[in-house]
């Protein structure tokens, strides 16, 4: 098990989860959400923001966490 890889993976998962919760509770906390909606439209801007700030960190964190348990250091 690679502890640095596990730690970074868990932090990425925590960031993605925090972003998901904050998008529901207080979307005004995201400074880039409204400009993205204004530029790309309501649905596409929201989807791009979701993918960038929620989905990618969650998937990256999951990848790092699984690779740390598999014994393969994904970061070095």
N, C-alpha and C. Protein backbone atom coordinates (compact mmCIF):
# COMPACT_ATOMS: atom_id res chain seq x y z
N UNK A 1 0.85 -1.18 0.00
CA UNK A 1 0.00 0.00 0.00
C UNK A 1 0.89 1.24 0.00
N UNK A 2 0.57 2.16 -0.86
CA UNK A 2 1.31 3.41 -0.95
C UNK A 2 0.53 4.50 -0.21
N UNK A 3 1.05 4.92 0.93
CA UNK A 3 0.33 5.90 1.75
C UNK A 3 0.19 7.27 1.10
N UNK A 4 1.22 7.80 0.42
CA UNK A 4 1.01 9.10 -0.24
C UNK A 4 -0.07 9.04 -1.32
N UNK A 5 -0.09 7.96 -2.08
CA UNK A 5 -1.11 7.81 -3.11
C UNK A 5 -2.50 7.69 -2.49
N UNK A 6 -2.59 6.95 -1.40
CA UNK A 6 -3.86 6.82 -0.70
C UNK A 6 -4.32 8.17 -0.15
N UNK A 7 -3.41 8.92 0.43
CA UNK A 7 -3.77 10.22 1.01
C UNK A 7 -4.26 11.18 -0.06
N UNK A 8 -3.57 11.24 -1.18
CA UNK A 8 -3.99 12.14 -2.26
C UNK A 8 -5.34 11.68 -2.83
N UNK A 9 -5.52 10.38 -2.96
CA UNK A 9 -6.79 9.86 -3.45
C UNK A 9 -7.95 10.20 -2.53
N UNK A 10 -7.74 10.05 -1.24
CA UNK A 10 -8.80 10.37 -0.28
C UNK A 10 -9.09 11.87 -0.25
N UNK A 11 -8.05 12.68 -0.39
CA UNK A 11 -8.27 14.13 -0.45
C UNK A 11 -9.05 14.52 -1.70
N UNK A 12 -8.76 13.89 -2.82
CA UNK A 12 -9.50 14.18 -4.05
C UNK A 12 -10.96 13.76 -3.91
N UNK A 13 -11.20 12.62 -3.28
CA UNK A 13 -12.58 12.18 -3.06
C UNK A 13 -13.30 13.16 -2.13
N UNK A 14 -12.61 13.61 -1.09
CA UNK A 14 -13.21 14.56 -0.15
C UNK A 14 -13.54 15.87 -0.86
N UNK A 15 -12.65 16.34 -1.73
CA UNK A 15 -12.90 17.58 -2.47
C UNK A 15 -14.10 17.42 -3.40
N UNK A 16 -14.17 16.30 -4.11
CA UNK A 16 -15.29 16.06 -5.01
C UNK A 16 -16.61 15.97 -4.26
N UNK A 17 -16.59 15.30 -3.11
CA UNK A 17 -17.81 15.19 -2.30
C UNK A 17 -18.22 16.54 -1.73
N UNK A 18 -17.24 17.31 -1.26
CA UNK A 18 -17.52 18.65 -0.74
C UNK A 18 -18.12 19.54 -1.84
N UNK A 19 -17.55 19.46 -3.03
CA UNK A 19 -18.06 20.25 -4.14
C UNK A 19 -19.49 19.85 -4.49
N UNK A 20 -19.77 18.57 -4.45
CA UNK A 20 -21.12 18.10 -4.76
C UNK A 20 -22.13 18.62 -3.74
N UNK A 21 -21.76 18.58 -2.47
CA UNK A 21 -22.66 19.06 -1.42
C UNK A 21 -22.86 20.57 -1.53
N UNK A 22 -21.78 21.29 -1.77
CA UNK A 22 -21.87 22.75 -1.85
C UNK A 22 -22.65 23.21 -3.08
N UNK A 23 -22.61 22.44 -4.16
CA UNK A 23 -23.39 22.79 -5.35
C UNK A 23 -24.88 22.77 -5.04
N UNK A 24 -25.28 21.90 -4.14
CA UNK A 24 -26.70 21.80 -3.78
C UNK A 24 -27.05 22.83 -2.71
N UNK A 25 -26.21 22.94 -1.69
CA UNK A 25 -26.53 23.82 -0.56
C UNK A 25 -26.31 25.30 -0.85
N UNK A 26 -25.18 25.63 -1.47
CA UNK A 26 -24.86 27.04 -1.70
C UNK A 26 -24.11 27.21 -3.01
N UNK A 27 -24.81 27.18 -4.13
CA UNK A 27 -24.13 27.30 -5.42
C UNK A 27 -23.45 28.65 -5.62
N UNK A 28 -23.84 29.65 -4.85
CA UNK A 28 -23.20 30.96 -4.99
C UNK A 28 -21.76 30.95 -4.49
N UNK A 29 -21.34 29.89 -3.81
CA UNK A 29 -19.97 29.79 -3.32
C UNK A 29 -18.98 29.53 -4.45
N UNK A 30 -19.47 29.08 -5.59
CA UNK A 30 -18.60 28.80 -6.74
C UNK A 30 -18.56 30.02 -7.64
N UNK A 31 -17.40 30.64 -7.73
CA UNK A 31 -17.27 31.85 -8.52
C UNK A 31 -17.33 31.58 -10.02
N UNK A 32 -16.98 30.39 -10.44
CA UNK A 32 -16.93 30.10 -11.87
C UNK A 32 -18.21 29.48 -12.41
N UNK A 33 -19.15 29.15 -11.54
CA UNK A 33 -20.38 28.51 -11.99
C UNK A 33 -21.23 29.45 -12.83
N UNK A 34 -21.48 30.63 -12.34
CA UNK A 34 -22.33 31.58 -13.08
C UNK A 34 -21.71 32.01 -14.41
N UNK A 35 -20.40 32.33 -14.46
CA UNK A 35 -19.82 32.66 -15.77
C UNK A 35 -19.89 31.50 -16.76
N UNK A 36 -19.76 30.27 -16.26
CA UNK A 36 -19.87 29.12 -17.16
C UNK A 36 -21.30 28.99 -17.69
N UNK A 37 -22.27 29.23 -16.82
CA UNK A 37 -23.67 29.18 -17.26
C UNK A 37 -23.96 30.30 -18.25
N UNK A 38 -23.39 31.47 -18.02
CA UNK A 38 -23.62 32.60 -18.92
C UNK A 38 -22.98 32.35 -20.29
N UNK A 39 -21.83 31.73 -20.29
CA UNK A 39 -21.11 31.52 -21.54
C UNK A 39 -21.65 30.34 -22.35
N UNK A 40 -21.95 29.23 -21.67
CA UNK A 40 -22.33 28.01 -22.37
C UNK A 40 -23.82 27.68 -22.29
N UNK A 41 -24.57 28.47 -21.56
CA UNK A 41 -25.98 28.17 -21.37
C UNK A 41 -26.18 27.48 -20.03
N UNK A 42 -27.41 27.46 -19.58
CA UNK A 42 -27.73 26.93 -18.25
C UNK A 42 -27.34 25.46 -18.10
N UNK A 43 -27.81 24.62 -19.01
CA UNK A 43 -27.58 23.18 -18.87
C UNK A 43 -26.14 22.78 -19.13
N UNK A 44 -25.56 23.27 -20.22
CA UNK A 44 -24.19 22.88 -20.56
C UNK A 44 -23.19 23.46 -19.56
N UNK A 45 -23.39 24.69 -19.15
CA UNK A 45 -22.50 25.29 -18.15
C UNK A 45 -22.54 24.55 -16.83
N UNK A 46 -23.74 24.17 -16.43
CA UNK A 46 -23.89 23.39 -15.19
C UNK A 46 -23.24 22.02 -15.33
N UNK A 47 -23.42 21.39 -16.48
CA UNK A 47 -22.84 20.07 -16.71
C UNK A 47 -21.31 20.14 -16.75
N UNK A 48 -20.77 21.14 -17.42
CA UNK A 48 -19.31 21.29 -17.47
C UNK A 48 -18.73 21.55 -16.08
N UNK A 49 -19.40 22.36 -15.31
CA UNK A 49 -18.94 22.64 -13.96
C UNK A 49 -19.00 21.38 -13.10
N UNK A 50 -20.07 20.61 -13.24
CA UNK A 50 -20.21 19.36 -12.49
C UNK A 50 -19.10 18.38 -12.84
N UNK A 51 -18.85 18.23 -14.12
CA UNK A 51 -17.80 17.30 -14.56
C UNK A 51 -16.43 17.76 -14.04
N UNK A 52 -16.15 19.05 -14.17
CA UNK A 52 -14.84 19.58 -13.79
C UNK A 52 -14.58 19.56 -12.29
N UNK A 53 -15.58 19.90 -11.50
CA UNK A 53 -15.36 20.09 -10.08
C UNK A 53 -15.88 18.96 -9.19
N UNK A 54 -16.68 18.07 -9.74
CA UNK A 54 -17.21 16.96 -8.94
C UNK A 54 -16.77 15.62 -9.51
N UNK A 55 -17.10 15.36 -10.74
CA UNK A 55 -16.87 14.04 -11.32
C UNK A 55 -15.38 13.71 -11.49
N UNK A 56 -14.61 14.62 -12.05
CA UNK A 56 -13.18 14.35 -12.27
C UNK A 56 -12.45 14.13 -10.94
N UNK A 57 -12.62 14.98 -9.92
CA UNK A 57 -11.94 14.69 -8.65
C UNK A 57 -12.38 13.37 -8.02
N UNK A 58 -13.67 13.04 -8.12
CA UNK A 58 -14.12 11.76 -7.55
C UNK A 58 -13.50 10.58 -8.28
N UNK A 59 -13.49 10.62 -9.59
CA UNK A 59 -12.90 9.51 -10.36
C UNK A 59 -11.40 9.42 -10.16
N UNK A 60 -10.72 10.56 -10.14
CA UNK A 60 -9.28 10.58 -9.90
C UNK A 60 -8.96 10.03 -8.51
N UNK A 61 -9.73 10.45 -7.53
CA UNK A 61 -9.52 9.96 -6.17
C UNK A 61 -9.78 8.47 -6.06
N UNK A 62 -10.81 8.00 -6.73
CA UNK A 62 -11.10 6.57 -6.72
C UNK A 62 -9.98 5.78 -7.39
N UNK A 63 -9.48 6.28 -8.50
CA UNK A 63 -8.37 5.63 -9.20
C UNK A 63 -7.14 5.55 -8.30
N UNK A 64 -6.80 6.65 -7.65
CA UNK A 64 -5.63 6.64 -6.78
C UNK A 64 -5.82 5.74 -5.57
N UNK A 65 -7.00 5.75 -5.00
CA UNK A 65 -7.27 4.93 -3.83
C UNK A 65 -7.17 3.44 -4.18
N UNK A 66 -7.77 3.05 -5.28
CA UNK A 66 -7.71 1.65 -5.70
C UNK A 66 -6.28 1.25 -6.04
N UNK A 67 -5.56 2.12 -6.73
CA UNK A 67 -4.19 1.77 -7.10
C UNK A 67 -3.29 1.70 -5.87
N UNK A 68 -3.58 2.48 -4.84
CA UNK A 68 -2.76 2.40 -3.63
C UNK A 68 -2.98 1.07 -2.91
N UNK A 69 -4.22 0.57 -2.92
CA UNK A 69 -4.49 -0.73 -2.30
C UNK A 69 -3.95 -1.88 -3.14
N UNK A 70 -3.84 -1.66 -4.45
CA UNK A 70 -3.29 -2.70 -5.32
C UNK A 70 -1.77 -2.75 -5.22
N UNK A 71 -1.18 -1.76 -4.57
CA UNK A 71 0.26 -1.76 -4.39
C UNK A 71 1.02 -1.05 -5.49
N UNK A 72 0.32 -0.46 -6.41
CA UNK A 72 0.97 0.25 -7.51
C UNK A 72 0.94 1.74 -7.23
N UNK A 73 2.08 2.36 -6.96
CA UNK A 73 2.07 3.81 -6.73
C UNK A 73 1.79 4.55 -8.03
N UNK A 74 0.65 5.16 -8.11
CA UNK A 74 0.24 5.83 -9.35
C UNK A 74 0.96 7.16 -9.54
N UNK A 75 1.59 7.65 -8.51
CA UNK A 75 2.23 8.97 -8.59
C UNK A 75 3.75 8.91 -8.54
N UNK A 76 4.31 7.77 -8.71
CA UNK A 76 5.76 7.79 -8.64
C UNK A 76 6.42 6.48 -8.85
